[in-house]
Amino acid sequence: MQTIANDGNLSNITLGLQAGDEYDKYGWKKFDHATISMSTTYDHRPNKPSTLVTSPATTCTTTIKTTGDGDVTFYAKVSDPDGGTLSNTFNITKTSGGAQIAKAAVSAASGKNAAYTVKKSVLEAAAGGSALGVSWNVTSSDGTYSSAASATCKFLFDPSRPGAPGITDTSGADCGDDASPVTYQVGTSAGFTLAPNASSGSTASYLYQLNGATPSP
């Protein structure tokens, strides 16, 4: 039995049966047409994984986004023309130098998302206290053939975390973590000033959020 890979998507294929050495008189064979049979096994390569994203959100674009202070889950959509379950290898490396951060194979059904989570502690160890460039891609295998590697996506993992800012309202009341809660009347305007936390180094910016609305700078 021989396995034939039809990567060319041919509409038909011709198979022949012959002796290994046609000059060998013992190689000649006669077959009973009523009982002879032949079987073929076909297999398509899995498709290249696509739609690579992470949570917290980064995407496979030219814009390098930053994440940090938590686990990162990697997702890729995987598929195979023949269906079935695929083994999908996530290859995660340092962008600079290419050292391995993590590598694992996870199963997912064709047409579904494969997902792999890298713990915060693993990323922090690789970062060594500084912002870390992370590159990753995915390949799929059906057990016989492997797909082409997906696009390589990149993001920054920042292990640092700025401290809470000092917040003071315009009346002079301290709204920091160590102060008693300050009560404001609904419908009354209020103003605040923010000061960086001196123990957390430089802070680029702050966002504020009110009642579940979109965070604003």
N, C-alpha and C. Protein backbone atom coordinates (compact mmCIF):
# COMPACT_ATOMS: atom_id res chain seq x y z
N MET A 1 0.85 -1.19 0.00
CA MET A 1 0.00 0.00 0.00
C MET A 1 0.88 1.24 0.00
N GLN A 2 0.50 2.23 -0.75
CA GLN A 2 1.28 3.45 -0.86
C GLN A 2 0.36 4.64 -0.65
N THR A 3 0.84 5.61 0.16
CA THR A 3 0.07 6.83 0.38
C THR A 3 0.49 7.87 -0.63
N ILE A 4 -0.47 8.49 -1.27
CA ILE A 4 -0.19 9.47 -2.32
C ILE A 4 -0.73 10.82 -1.88
N ALA A 5 0.13 11.82 -1.86
CA ALA A 5 -0.28 13.18 -1.50
C ALA A 5 -0.65 13.92 -2.76
N ASN A 6 -1.88 14.36 -2.83
CA ASN A 6 -2.35 15.04 -4.03
C ASN A 6 -2.42 16.53 -3.75
N ASP A 7 -1.26 17.15 -3.46
CA ASP A 7 -1.24 18.58 -3.16
C ASP A 7 -1.61 19.42 -4.37
N GLY A 8 -1.49 18.87 -5.56
CA GLY A 8 -1.77 19.64 -6.75
C GLY A 8 -3.25 19.72 -7.10
N ASN A 9 -4.13 19.11 -6.27
CA ASN A 9 -5.57 19.12 -6.53
C ASN A 9 -5.89 18.61 -7.94
N LEU A 10 -5.28 17.49 -8.32
CA LEU A 10 -5.49 16.93 -9.64
C LEU A 10 -6.89 16.35 -9.75
N SER A 11 -7.48 16.44 -10.93
CA SER A 11 -8.83 15.89 -11.14
C SER A 11 -8.80 14.38 -11.32
N ASN A 12 -7.65 13.82 -11.75
CA ASN A 12 -7.53 12.37 -11.88
C ASN A 12 -6.06 11.99 -11.78
N ILE A 13 -5.82 10.72 -11.53
CA ILE A 13 -4.45 10.21 -11.42
C ILE A 13 -4.44 8.77 -11.92
N THR A 14 -3.41 8.37 -12.65
CA THR A 14 -3.29 7.03 -13.20
C THR A 14 -2.28 6.23 -12.40
N LEU A 15 -2.67 5.02 -12.01
CA LEU A 15 -1.81 4.14 -11.23
C LEU A 15 -1.53 2.88 -12.05
N GLY A 16 -0.33 2.36 -11.90
CA GLY A 16 0.04 1.14 -12.61
C GLY A 16 0.62 0.09 -11.68
N LEU A 17 0.59 -1.16 -12.12
CA LEU A 17 1.13 -2.27 -11.35
C LEU A 17 2.15 -2.98 -12.22
N GLN A 18 3.39 -3.07 -11.72
CA GLN A 18 4.44 -3.71 -12.51
C GLN A 18 5.45 -4.37 -11.58
N ALA A 19 6.26 -5.24 -12.17
CA ALA A 19 7.29 -5.92 -11.41
C ALA A 19 8.39 -4.94 -11.05
N GLY A 20 9.08 -5.20 -9.95
CA GLY A 20 10.18 -4.35 -9.55
C GLY A 20 11.31 -4.38 -10.57
N ASP A 21 11.47 -5.52 -11.24
CA ASP A 21 12.49 -5.66 -12.28
C ASP A 21 11.87 -6.44 -13.42
N GLU A 22 11.58 -5.78 -14.52
CA GLU A 22 10.90 -6.42 -15.63
C GLU A 22 11.79 -7.42 -16.38
N TYR A 23 13.09 -7.40 -16.11
CA TYR A 23 14.01 -8.36 -16.73
C TYR A 23 14.16 -9.62 -15.90
N ASP A 24 13.56 -9.62 -14.73
CA ASP A 24 13.62 -10.80 -13.86
C ASP A 24 12.47 -11.73 -14.22
N LYS A 25 12.79 -12.94 -14.68
CA LYS A 25 11.73 -13.84 -15.11
C LYS A 25 10.82 -14.25 -13.96
N TYR A 26 11.33 -14.14 -12.73
CA TYR A 26 10.51 -14.49 -11.58
C TYR A 26 9.62 -13.33 -11.12
N GLY A 27 9.83 -12.19 -11.76
CA GLY A 27 9.02 -11.04 -11.39
C GLY A 27 7.66 -11.01 -12.07
N TRP A 28 7.47 -11.85 -13.07
CA TRP A 28 6.19 -11.88 -13.78
C TRP A 28 5.13 -12.48 -12.87
N LYS A 29 3.94 -11.85 -12.88
CA LYS A 29 2.84 -12.34 -12.04
C LYS A 29 1.56 -12.34 -12.84
N LYS A 30 0.67 -13.23 -12.44
CA LYS A 30 -0.66 -13.29 -13.03
C LYS A 30 -1.67 -13.17 -11.90
N PHE A 31 -2.70 -12.32 -12.10
CA PHE A 31 -3.68 -12.08 -11.05
C PHE A 31 -5.06 -12.50 -11.51
N ASP A 32 -5.81 -12.98 -10.57
CA ASP A 32 -7.20 -13.34 -10.83
C ASP A 32 -8.02 -12.05 -10.81
N HIS A 33 -8.60 -11.70 -11.95
CA HIS A 33 -9.32 -10.44 -12.05
C HIS A 33 -10.53 -10.40 -11.12
N ALA A 34 -10.99 -11.55 -10.66
CA ALA A 34 -12.18 -11.58 -9.80
C ALA A 34 -11.85 -11.23 -8.35
N THR A 35 -10.58 -11.36 -7.96
CA THR A 35 -10.24 -11.16 -6.55
C THR A 35 -9.24 -10.03 -6.31
N ILE A 36 -8.56 -9.58 -7.35
CA ILE A 36 -7.56 -8.54 -7.13
C ILE A 36 -8.25 -7.23 -6.72
N SER A 37 -7.62 -6.52 -5.83
CA SER A 37 -8.17 -5.22 -5.40
C SER A 37 -7.01 -4.27 -5.12
N MET A 38 -7.30 -3.02 -5.12
CA MET A 38 -6.30 -2.00 -4.83
C MET A 38 -6.96 -0.89 -4.02
N SER A 39 -6.26 -0.38 -3.03
CA SER A 39 -6.80 0.72 -2.23
C SER A 39 -5.82 1.89 -2.26
N THR A 40 -6.36 3.07 -2.16
CA THR A 40 -5.53 4.28 -2.10
C THR A 40 -5.95 5.10 -0.89
N THR A 41 -4.99 5.78 -0.32
CA THR A 41 -5.25 6.68 0.81
C THR A 41 -4.85 8.08 0.38
N TYR A 42 -5.75 9.04 0.51
CA TYR A 42 -5.41 10.41 0.14
C TYR A 42 -5.45 11.28 1.39
N ASP A 43 -4.67 12.33 1.36
CA ASP A 43 -4.58 13.22 2.51
C ASP A 43 -4.15 14.60 2.04
N HIS A 44 -4.91 15.62 2.42
CA HIS A 44 -4.53 16.99 2.13
C HIS A 44 -3.76 17.57 3.31
N ARG A 45 -2.83 18.45 3.00
CA ARG A 45 -2.15 19.16 4.08
C ARG A 45 -3.14 20.09 4.78
N PRO A 46 -3.01 20.26 6.10
CA PRO A 46 -3.85 21.26 6.78
C PRO A 46 -3.58 22.65 6.22
N ASN A 47 -4.57 23.51 6.30
CA ASN A 47 -4.40 24.89 5.87
C ASN A 47 -3.50 25.66 6.84
N LYS A 48 -2.91 26.72 6.33
CA LYS A 48 -2.08 27.57 7.18
C LYS A 48 -2.96 28.25 8.22
N PRO A 49 -2.61 28.17 9.51
CA PRO A 49 -3.42 28.83 10.54
C PRO A 49 -3.56 30.33 10.27
N SER A 50 -4.71 30.88 10.65
CA SER A 50 -5.00 32.28 10.36
C SER A 50 -5.66 32.94 11.57
N THR A 51 -5.96 34.24 11.44
CA THR A 51 -6.67 35.01 12.46
C THR A 51 -5.98 34.85 13.81
N LEU A 52 -4.73 35.23 13.87
CA LEU A 52 -3.96 35.13 15.11
C LEU A 52 -4.23 36.36 15.99
N VAL A 53 -4.69 36.11 17.21
CA VAL A 53 -4.95 37.18 18.17
C VAL A 53 -4.55 36.69 19.56
N THR A 54 -4.49 37.62 20.50
CA THR A 54 -4.20 37.26 21.88
C THR A 54 -5.21 37.90 22.81
N SER A 55 -5.22 37.43 24.04
CA SER A 55 -5.99 38.06 25.12
C SER A 55 -5.06 38.17 26.33
N PRO A 56 -4.77 39.41 26.82
CA PRO A 56 -5.22 40.73 26.38
C PRO A 56 -4.95 40.96 24.90
N ALA A 57 -5.75 41.87 24.32
CA ALA A 57 -5.82 41.97 22.86
C ALA A 57 -4.55 42.53 22.23
N THR A 58 -3.98 41.75 21.32
CA THR A 58 -3.01 42.22 20.34
C THR A 58 -3.39 41.56 19.03
N THR A 59 -3.00 42.14 17.91
CA THR A 59 -3.32 41.56 16.62
C THR A 59 -2.07 41.47 15.76
N CYS A 60 -2.17 40.70 14.69
CA CYS A 60 -1.02 40.47 13.83
C CYS A 60 -0.94 41.57 12.77
N THR A 61 -0.61 42.79 13.21
CA THR A 61 -0.51 43.93 12.31
C THR A 61 0.85 44.58 12.48
N THR A 62 1.07 45.64 11.71
CA THR A 62 2.35 46.34 11.82
C THR A 62 2.43 47.19 13.08
N THR A 63 1.28 47.43 13.73
CA THR A 63 1.26 48.20 14.98
C THR A 63 1.58 47.28 16.14
N ILE A 64 2.68 47.53 16.83
CA ILE A 64 3.09 46.68 17.94
C ILE A 64 2.39 47.15 19.20
N LYS A 65 1.52 46.32 19.76
CA LYS A 65 0.80 46.67 20.96
C LYS A 65 1.51 46.12 22.20
N THR A 66 1.17 46.67 23.34
CA THR A 66 1.82 46.29 24.60
C THR A 66 0.80 45.65 25.52
N THR A 67 1.21 44.57 26.18
CA THR A 67 0.38 43.94 27.19
C THR A 67 1.28 43.62 28.38
N GLY A 68 0.69 43.19 29.47
CA GLY A 68 1.49 42.86 30.65
C GLY A 68 0.65 42.70 31.89
N ASP A 69 1.32 42.34 32.99
CA ASP A 69 0.68 42.20 34.29
C ASP A 69 -0.36 41.09 34.30
N GLY A 70 -0.15 40.02 33.54
CA GLY A 70 -1.09 38.91 33.55
C GLY A 70 -0.71 37.83 32.56
N ASP A 71 -1.45 36.71 32.61
CA ASP A 71 -1.25 35.64 31.63
C ASP A 71 -1.64 36.15 30.24
N VAL A 72 -1.08 35.53 29.22
CA VAL A 72 -1.44 35.86 27.83
C VAL A 72 -1.91 34.58 27.15
N THR A 73 -3.11 34.63 26.55
CA THR A 73 -3.64 33.50 25.81
C THR A 73 -3.53 33.78 24.31
N PHE A 74 -3.00 32.81 23.57
CA PHE A 74 -2.77 32.92 22.14
C PHE A 74 -3.85 32.10 21.41
N TYR A 75 -4.41 32.68 20.34
CA TYR A 75 -5.46 32.01 19.58
C TYR A 75 -5.10 31.98 18.09
N ALA A 76 -5.49 30.90 17.42
CA ALA A 76 -5.33 30.80 15.97
C ALA A 76 -6.45 29.93 15.42
N LYS A 77 -7.03 30.35 14.30
CA LYS A 77 -8.04 29.53 13.64
C LYS A 77 -7.34 28.48 12.79
N VAL A 78 -7.73 27.22 12.96
CA VAL A 78 -7.08 26.12 12.26
C VAL A 78 -8.12 25.35 11.44
N SER A 79 -7.66 24.76 10.32
CA SER A 79 -8.59 24.01 9.47
C SER A 79 -7.84 23.04 8.58
N ASP A 80 -8.59 22.05 8.09
CA ASP A 80 -8.05 21.02 7.22
C ASP A 80 -9.12 20.68 6.19
N PRO A 81 -8.78 20.59 4.90
CA PRO A 81 -9.78 20.23 3.90
C PRO A 81 -10.48 18.91 4.20
N ASP A 82 -9.81 18.02 4.94
CA ASP A 82 -10.38 16.71 5.25
C ASP A 82 -11.10 16.70 6.59
N GLY A 83 -11.12 17.85 7.31
CA GLY A 83 -11.77 17.89 8.62
C GLY A 83 -10.94 17.18 9.68
N GLY A 84 -11.58 16.78 10.74
CA GLY A 84 -10.90 16.04 11.81
C GLY A 84 -10.28 16.95 12.85
N THR A 85 -9.48 16.32 13.71
CA THR A 85 -8.81 17.04 14.80
C THR A 85 -7.34 17.24 14.45
N LEU A 86 -6.85 18.44 14.71
CA LEU A 86 -5.47 18.80 14.36
C LEU A 86 -4.65 19.03 15.63
N SER A 87 -3.36 18.75 15.52
CA SER A 87 -2.40 19.10 16.56
C SER A 87 -1.72 20.40 16.12
N ASN A 88 -1.82 21.42 16.96
CA ASN A 88 -1.38 22.76 16.58
C ASN A 88 -0.26 23.23 17.49
N THR A 89 0.89 23.52 16.90
CA THR A 89 2.07 23.89 17.67
C THR A 89 2.23 25.41 17.72
N PHE A 90 2.19 25.95 18.94
CA PHE A 90 2.42 27.37 19.18
C PHE A 90 3.90 27.55 19.49
N ASN A 91 4.57 28.36 18.70
CA ASN A 91 6.00 28.62 18.88
C ASN A 91 6.17 30.08 19.29
N ILE A 92 6.62 30.31 20.52
CA ILE A 92 6.68 31.66 21.10
C ILE A 92 8.12 31.95 21.48
N THR A 93 8.68 33.01 20.90
CA THR A 93 10.09 33.32 21.08
C THR A 93 10.29 34.80 21.40
N LYS A 94 11.51 35.13 21.83
CA LYS A 94 11.88 36.53 21.97
C LYS A 94 12.09 37.13 20.59
N THR A 95 11.54 38.31 20.36
CA THR A 95 11.72 38.96 19.06
C THR A 95 13.19 39.25 18.79
N SER A 96 13.91 39.67 19.82
CA SER A 96 15.33 39.94 19.70
C SER A 96 16.13 38.70 20.07
N GLY A 97 16.79 38.10 19.09
CA GLY A 97 17.63 36.93 19.35
C GLY A 97 16.95 35.60 19.11
N GLY A 98 15.62 35.54 19.19
CA GLY A 98 14.90 34.32 18.87
C GLY A 98 14.91 33.24 19.92
N ALA A 99 15.34 33.54 21.16
CA ALA A 99 15.35 32.52 22.22
C ALA A 99 13.93 32.04 22.51
N GLN A 100 13.80 30.74 22.80
CA GLN A 100 12.49 30.16 23.06
C GLN A 100 11.92 30.65 24.39
N ILE A 101 10.66 31.10 24.36
CA ILE A 101 9.94 31.44 25.58
C ILE A 101 9.03 30.28 25.97
N ALA A 102 8.28 29.77 25.01
CA ALA A 102 7.39 28.63 25.25
C ALA A 102 7.06 27.97 23.92
N LYS A 103 6.76 26.67 23.99
CA LYS A 103 6.36 25.92 22.80
C LYS A 103 5.48 24.76 23.24
N ALA A 104 4.32 24.62 22.60
CA ALA A 104 3.41 23.54 23.00
C ALA A 104 2.49 23.19 21.85
N ALA A 105 2.04 21.94 21.83
CA ALA A 105 1.07 21.47 20.84
C ALA A 105 -0.27 21.26 21.53
N VAL A 106 -1.31 21.84 20.98
CA VAL A 106 -2.66 21.70 21.54
C VAL A 106 -3.60 21.21 20.44
N SER A 107 -4.59 20.44 20.84
CA SER A 107 -5.54 19.89 19.88
C SER A 107 -6.72 20.82 19.68
N ALA A 108 -7.23 20.84 18.46
CA ALA A 108 -8.44 21.61 18.14
C ALA A 108 -9.06 21.02 16.89
N ALA A 109 -10.38 21.03 16.84
CA ALA A 109 -11.08 20.52 15.66
C ALA A 109 -10.94 21.48 14.49
N SER A 110 -10.93 20.93 13.29
CA SER A 110 -10.84 21.75 12.08
C SER A 110 -11.98 22.76 12.06
N GLY A 111 -11.64 24.01 11.74
CA GLY A 111 -12.63 25.07 11.70
C GLY A 111 -12.81 25.81 13.00
N LYS A 112 -12.09 25.38 14.05
CA LYS A 112 -12.20 26.00 15.36
C LYS A 112 -10.92 26.76 15.69
N ASN A 113 -10.94 27.45 16.82
CA ASN A 113 -9.75 28.15 17.31
C ASN A 113 -8.94 27.25 18.23
N ALA A 114 -7.65 27.19 17.98
CA ALA A 114 -6.73 26.55 18.94
C ALA A 114 -6.27 27.64 19.89
N ALA A 115 -6.13 27.30 21.17
CA ALA A 115 -5.76 28.29 22.19
C ALA A 115 -4.69 27.73 23.11
N TYR A 116 -3.75 28.60 23.46
CA TYR A 116 -2.67 28.21 24.37
C TYR A 116 -2.36 29.40 25.28
N THR A 117 -2.28 29.15 26.59
CA THR A 117 -2.03 30.21 27.57
C THR A 117 -0.62 30.10 28.14
N VAL A 118 0.10 31.22 28.12
CA VAL A 118 1.41 31.31 28.73
C VAL A 118 1.27 32.10 30.02
N LYS A 119 1.72 31.53 31.11
CA LYS A 119 1.57 32.15 32.42
C LYS A 119 2.40 33.43 32.53
N LYS A 120 1.88 34.34 33.32
CA LYS A 120 2.57 35.60 33.58
C LYS A 120 3.99 35.35 34.08
N SER A 121 4.16 34.36 34.95
CA SER A 121 5.48 34.09 35.54
C SER A 121 6.50 33.69 34.47
N VAL A 122 6.05 32.96 33.43
CA VAL A 122 6.96 32.54 32.34
C VAL A 122 7.40 33.77 31.55
N LEU A 123 6.45 34.66 31.25
CA LEU A 123 6.78 35.86 30.50
C LEU A 123 7.66 36.80 31.32
N GLU A 124 7.38 36.91 32.61
CA GLU A 124 8.20 37.75 33.47
C GLU A 124 9.63 37.24 33.55
N ALA A 125 9.79 35.92 33.64
CA ALA A 125 11.14 35.35 33.70
C ALA A 125 11.91 35.65 32.42
N ALA A 126 11.23 35.56 31.28
CA ALA A 126 11.88 35.86 30.01
C ALA A 126 12.18 37.35 29.87
N ALA A 127 11.31 38.20 30.45
CA ALA A 127 11.50 39.65 30.34
C ALA A 127 12.64 40.15 31.20
N GLY A 128 12.86 39.53 32.35
CA GLY A 128 13.96 39.95 33.22
C GLY A 128 13.83 41.38 33.71
N GLY A 129 12.60 41.86 33.90
CA GLY A 129 12.41 43.19 34.44
C GLY A 129 12.29 44.30 33.41
N SER A 130 12.51 43.99 32.15
CA SER A 130 12.42 44.99 31.08
C SER A 130 11.33 44.61 30.10
N ALA A 131 10.88 45.57 29.30
CA ALA A 131 9.89 45.29 28.26
C ALA A 131 10.44 44.23 27.30
N LEU A 132 9.63 43.25 26.98
CA LEU A 132 10.07 42.10 26.19
C LEU A 132 9.31 42.05 24.87
N GLY A 133 10.02 41.99 23.75
CA GLY A 133 9.41 41.75 22.45
C GLY A 133 9.11 40.28 22.28
N VAL A 134 7.87 39.95 21.99
CA VAL A 134 7.43 38.56 21.83
C VAL A 134 6.99 38.33 20.39
N SER A 135 7.51 37.26 19.77
CA SER A 135 7.10 36.85 18.42
C SER A 135 6.49 35.45 18.50
N TRP A 136 5.45 35.19 17.70
CA TRP A 136 4.84 33.86 17.78
C TRP A 136 4.16 33.50 16.46
N ASN A 137 4.12 32.20 16.20
CA ASN A 137 3.40 31.68 15.05
C ASN A 137 2.88 30.29 15.37
N VAL A 138 2.13 29.71 14.44
CA VAL A 138 1.46 28.43 14.68
C VAL A 138 1.54 27.56 13.43
N THR A 139 1.74 26.26 13.61
CA THR A 139 1.61 25.28 12.53
C THR A 139 0.63 24.19 12.97
N SER A 140 -0.04 23.60 11.98
CA SER A 140 -1.00 22.52 12.26
C SER A 140 -0.54 21.23 11.62
N SER A 141 -0.87 20.12 12.25
CA SER A 141 -0.52 18.80 11.72
C SER A 141 -1.72 17.87 11.85
N ASP A 142 -1.94 17.04 10.82
CA ASP A 142 -3.01 16.03 10.89
C ASP A 142 -2.45 14.67 11.28
N GLY A 143 -1.18 14.63 11.66
CA GLY A 143 -0.54 13.37 12.03
C GLY A 143 0.32 12.80 10.92
N THR A 144 0.09 13.25 9.69
CA THR A 144 0.89 12.82 8.55
C THR A 144 1.62 14.00 7.92
N TYR A 145 0.89 15.08 7.71
CA TYR A 145 1.47 16.26 7.08
C TYR A 145 1.27 17.49 7.96
N SER A 146 2.20 18.42 7.85
CA SER A 146 2.11 19.68 8.58
C SER A 146 1.79 20.81 7.62
N SER A 147 1.09 21.80 8.13
CA SER A 147 0.76 22.97 7.33
C SER A 147 1.98 23.88 7.20
N ALA A 148 1.86 24.86 6.33
CA ALA A 148 2.85 25.94 6.32
C ALA A 148 2.68 26.74 7.61
N ALA A 149 3.76 27.37 8.05
CA ALA A 149 3.69 28.17 9.28
C ALA A 149 2.83 29.40 9.02
N SER A 150 2.10 29.80 10.05
CA SER A 150 1.28 31.01 9.96
C SER A 150 2.18 32.24 9.86
N ALA A 151 1.55 33.38 9.67
CA ALA A 151 2.28 34.64 9.78
C ALA A 151 2.87 34.74 11.18
N THR A 152 3.97 35.45 11.32
CA THR A 152 4.58 35.66 12.63
C THR A 152 4.07 36.99 13.20
N CYS A 153 3.47 36.93 14.38
CA CYS A 153 2.91 38.11 15.03
C CYS A 153 3.83 38.57 16.16
N LYS A 154 3.73 39.85 16.49
CA LYS A 154 4.63 40.42 17.50
C LYS A 154 3.86 41.35 18.44
N PHE A 155 4.31 41.39 19.70
CA PHE A 155 3.80 42.37 20.65
C PHE A 155 4.85 42.58 21.74
N LEU A 156 4.64 43.56 22.58
CA LEU A 156 5.53 43.83 23.71
C LEU A 156 4.85 43.39 24.99
N PHE A 157 5.60 42.70 25.84
CA PHE A 157 5.13 42.36 27.18
C PHE A 157 5.90 43.22 28.17
N ASP A 158 5.17 44.02 28.94
CA ASP A 158 5.79 44.93 29.90
C ASP A 158 5.50 44.42 31.31
N PRO A 159 6.52 43.89 32.01
CA PRO A 159 6.29 43.31 33.33
C PRO A 159 6.11 44.35 34.43
N SER A 160 6.41 45.61 34.15
CA SER A 160 6.31 46.64 35.19
C SER A 160 4.85 47.07 35.36
N ARG A 161 4.57 47.64 36.53
CA ARG A 161 3.22 48.10 36.80
C ARG A 161 3.30 49.39 37.59
N PRO A 162 2.81 50.49 37.02
CA PRO A 162 2.90 51.76 37.75
C PRO A 162 2.01 51.74 38.98
N GLY A 163 2.47 52.44 40.03
CA GLY A 163 1.66 52.54 41.24
C GLY A 163 0.48 53.47 41.04
N ALA A 164 -0.48 53.40 41.96
CA ALA A 164 -1.66 54.26 41.86
C ALA A 164 -1.24 55.72 41.99
N PRO A 165 -1.82 56.61 41.18
CA PRO A 165 -1.45 58.02 41.27
C PRO A 165 -2.04 58.67 42.51
N GLY A 166 -1.44 59.77 42.90
CA GLY A 166 -2.05 60.59 43.93
C GLY A 166 -3.13 61.44 43.32
N ILE A 167 -4.33 61.48 43.91
CA ILE A 167 -5.47 62.20 43.35
C ILE A 167 -5.95 63.24 44.36
N THR A 168 -6.07 64.47 43.92
CA THR A 168 -6.55 65.54 44.78
C THR A 168 -7.65 66.29 44.06
N ASP A 169 -8.77 66.54 44.75
CA ASP A 169 -9.83 67.30 44.10
C ASP A 169 -9.55 68.80 44.28
N THR A 170 -10.32 69.62 43.60
CA THR A 170 -10.04 71.06 43.60
C THR A 170 -10.29 71.72 44.95
N SER A 171 -11.02 71.02 45.82
CA SER A 171 -11.25 71.58 47.15
C SER A 171 -10.11 71.28 48.10
N GLY A 172 -9.15 70.44 47.62
CA GLY A 172 -8.00 70.11 48.45
C GLY A 172 -8.13 68.81 49.20
N ALA A 173 -9.24 68.09 49.05
CA ALA A 173 -9.41 66.81 49.73
C ALA A 173 -8.55 65.75 49.06
N ASP A 174 -7.89 64.91 49.86
CA ASP A 174 -7.03 63.85 49.33
C ASP A 174 -7.89 62.65 48.97
N CYS A 175 -7.82 62.21 47.73
CA CYS A 175 -8.63 61.07 47.27
C CYS A 175 -7.79 59.81 47.09
N GLY A 176 -6.60 59.78 47.66
CA GLY A 176 -5.72 58.64 47.49
C GLY A 176 -6.20 57.42 48.23
N ASP A 177 -5.44 56.32 48.10
CA ASP A 177 -5.85 55.05 48.70
C ASP A 177 -5.94 55.11 50.21
N ASP A 178 -5.15 56.01 50.83
CA ASP A 178 -5.10 56.04 52.28
C ASP A 178 -6.08 57.04 52.88
N ALA A 179 -6.94 57.63 52.05
CA ALA A 179 -7.87 58.64 52.55
C ALA A 179 -9.26 58.06 52.73
N SER A 180 -10.06 58.74 53.55
CA SER A 180 -11.45 58.34 53.68
C SER A 180 -12.18 58.68 52.41
N PRO A 181 -13.24 57.94 52.06
CA PRO A 181 -13.98 58.24 50.83
C PRO A 181 -14.53 59.65 50.84
N VAL A 182 -14.50 60.28 49.66
CA VAL A 182 -15.04 61.63 49.51
C VAL A 182 -16.37 61.53 48.79
N THR A 183 -17.41 62.19 49.33
CA THR A 183 -18.74 62.12 48.75
C THR A 183 -19.02 63.35 47.91
N TYR A 184 -19.58 63.11 46.69
CA TYR A 184 -19.91 64.20 45.79
C TYR A 184 -21.39 64.16 45.46
N GLN A 185 -21.97 65.31 45.26
CA GLN A 185 -23.40 65.42 44.94
C GLN A 185 -23.60 65.20 43.44
N VAL A 186 -24.56 64.35 43.08
CA VAL A 186 -24.87 64.10 41.68
C VAL A 186 -25.29 65.40 41.02
N GLY A 187 -24.72 65.70 39.87
CA GLY A 187 -25.04 66.90 39.13
C GLY A 187 -24.15 68.07 39.45
N THR A 188 -23.26 67.90 40.43
CA THR A 188 -22.34 68.97 40.81
C THR A 188 -20.99 68.71 40.15
N SER A 189 -20.43 69.74 39.52
CA SER A 189 -19.13 69.59 38.86
C SER A 189 -18.03 69.37 39.88
N ALA A 190 -17.02 68.62 39.50
CA ALA A 190 -15.85 68.38 40.35
C ALA A 190 -14.62 68.33 39.47
N GLY A 191 -13.49 68.75 39.99
CA GLY A 191 -12.23 68.71 39.24
C GLY A 191 -11.16 68.03 40.06
N PHE A 192 -10.20 67.42 39.37
CA PHE A 192 -9.17 66.65 40.06
C PHE A 192 -7.81 66.88 39.40
N THR A 193 -6.78 66.72 40.19
CA THR A 193 -5.42 66.70 39.67
C THR A 193 -4.79 65.37 40.04
N LEU A 194 -3.92 64.87 39.15
CA LEU A 194 -3.23 63.60 39.38
C LEU A 194 -1.74 63.83 39.46
N ALA A 195 -1.09 63.09 40.36
CA ALA A 195 0.37 63.16 40.50
C ALA A 195 0.92 61.76 40.41
N PRO A 196 1.99 61.53 39.62
CA PRO A 196 2.57 60.19 39.48
C PRO A 196 3.00 59.63 40.83
N ASN A 197 2.92 58.31 40.93
CA ASN A 197 3.40 57.62 42.12
C ASN A 197 4.92 57.66 42.11
N ALA A 198 5.51 58.25 43.13
CA ALA A 198 6.95 58.46 43.15
C ALA A 198 7.73 57.15 43.20
N SER A 199 7.11 56.08 43.69
CA SER A 199 7.83 54.81 43.85
C SER A 199 7.82 53.95 42.59
N SER A 200 7.08 54.37 41.53
CA SER A 200 6.93 53.49 40.36
C SER A 200 7.67 54.01 39.13
N GLY A 201 8.58 54.97 39.31
CA GLY A 201 9.33 55.47 38.17
C GLY A 201 8.47 56.37 37.30
N SER A 202 8.90 56.54 36.05
CA SER A 202 8.17 57.43 35.15
C SER A 202 6.86 56.80 34.69
N THR A 203 5.85 57.63 34.53
CA THR A 203 4.53 57.19 34.06
C THR A 203 4.19 57.98 32.82
N ALA A 204 3.86 57.28 31.74
CA ALA A 204 3.61 57.95 30.46
C ALA A 204 2.27 58.66 30.44
N SER A 205 1.23 58.04 30.97
CA SER A 205 -0.10 58.63 30.92
C SER A 205 -1.03 57.87 31.86
N TYR A 206 -2.21 58.45 32.08
CA TYR A 206 -3.25 57.81 32.87
C TYR A 206 -4.55 57.80 32.08
N LEU A 207 -5.40 56.81 32.36
CA LEU A 207 -6.74 56.74 31.81
C LEU A 207 -7.73 56.79 32.96
N TYR A 208 -8.90 57.37 32.70
CA TYR A 208 -9.95 57.34 33.72
C TYR A 208 -11.20 56.73 33.10
N GLN A 209 -12.05 56.14 33.96
CA GLN A 209 -13.26 55.47 33.51
C GLN A 209 -14.38 55.76 34.49
N LEU A 210 -15.56 56.03 33.98
CA LEU A 210 -16.71 56.36 34.82
C LEU A 210 -17.89 55.49 34.45
N ASN A 211 -18.39 54.74 35.44
CA ASN A 211 -19.61 53.93 35.27
C ASN A 211 -19.56 52.99 34.07
N GLY A 212 -18.43 52.34 33.85
CA GLY A 212 -18.32 51.36 32.77
C GLY A 212 -18.16 51.94 31.38
N ALA A 213 -18.00 53.27 31.27
CA ALA A 213 -17.81 53.88 29.96
C ALA A 213 -16.42 53.55 29.42
N THR A 214 -16.16 53.87 28.16
CA THR A 214 -14.86 53.62 27.56
C THR A 214 -13.80 54.46 28.28
N PRO A 215 -12.67 53.84 28.66
CA PRO A 215 -11.60 54.62 29.31
C PRO A 215 -11.15 55.79 28.45
N SER A 216 -10.87 56.91 29.09
CA SER A 216 -10.44 58.12 28.37
C SER A 216 -9.14 58.62 28.93
N PRO A 217 -8.29 59.26 28.12
CA PRO A 217 -7.02 59.80 28.61
C PRO A 217 -7.24 61.09 29.40
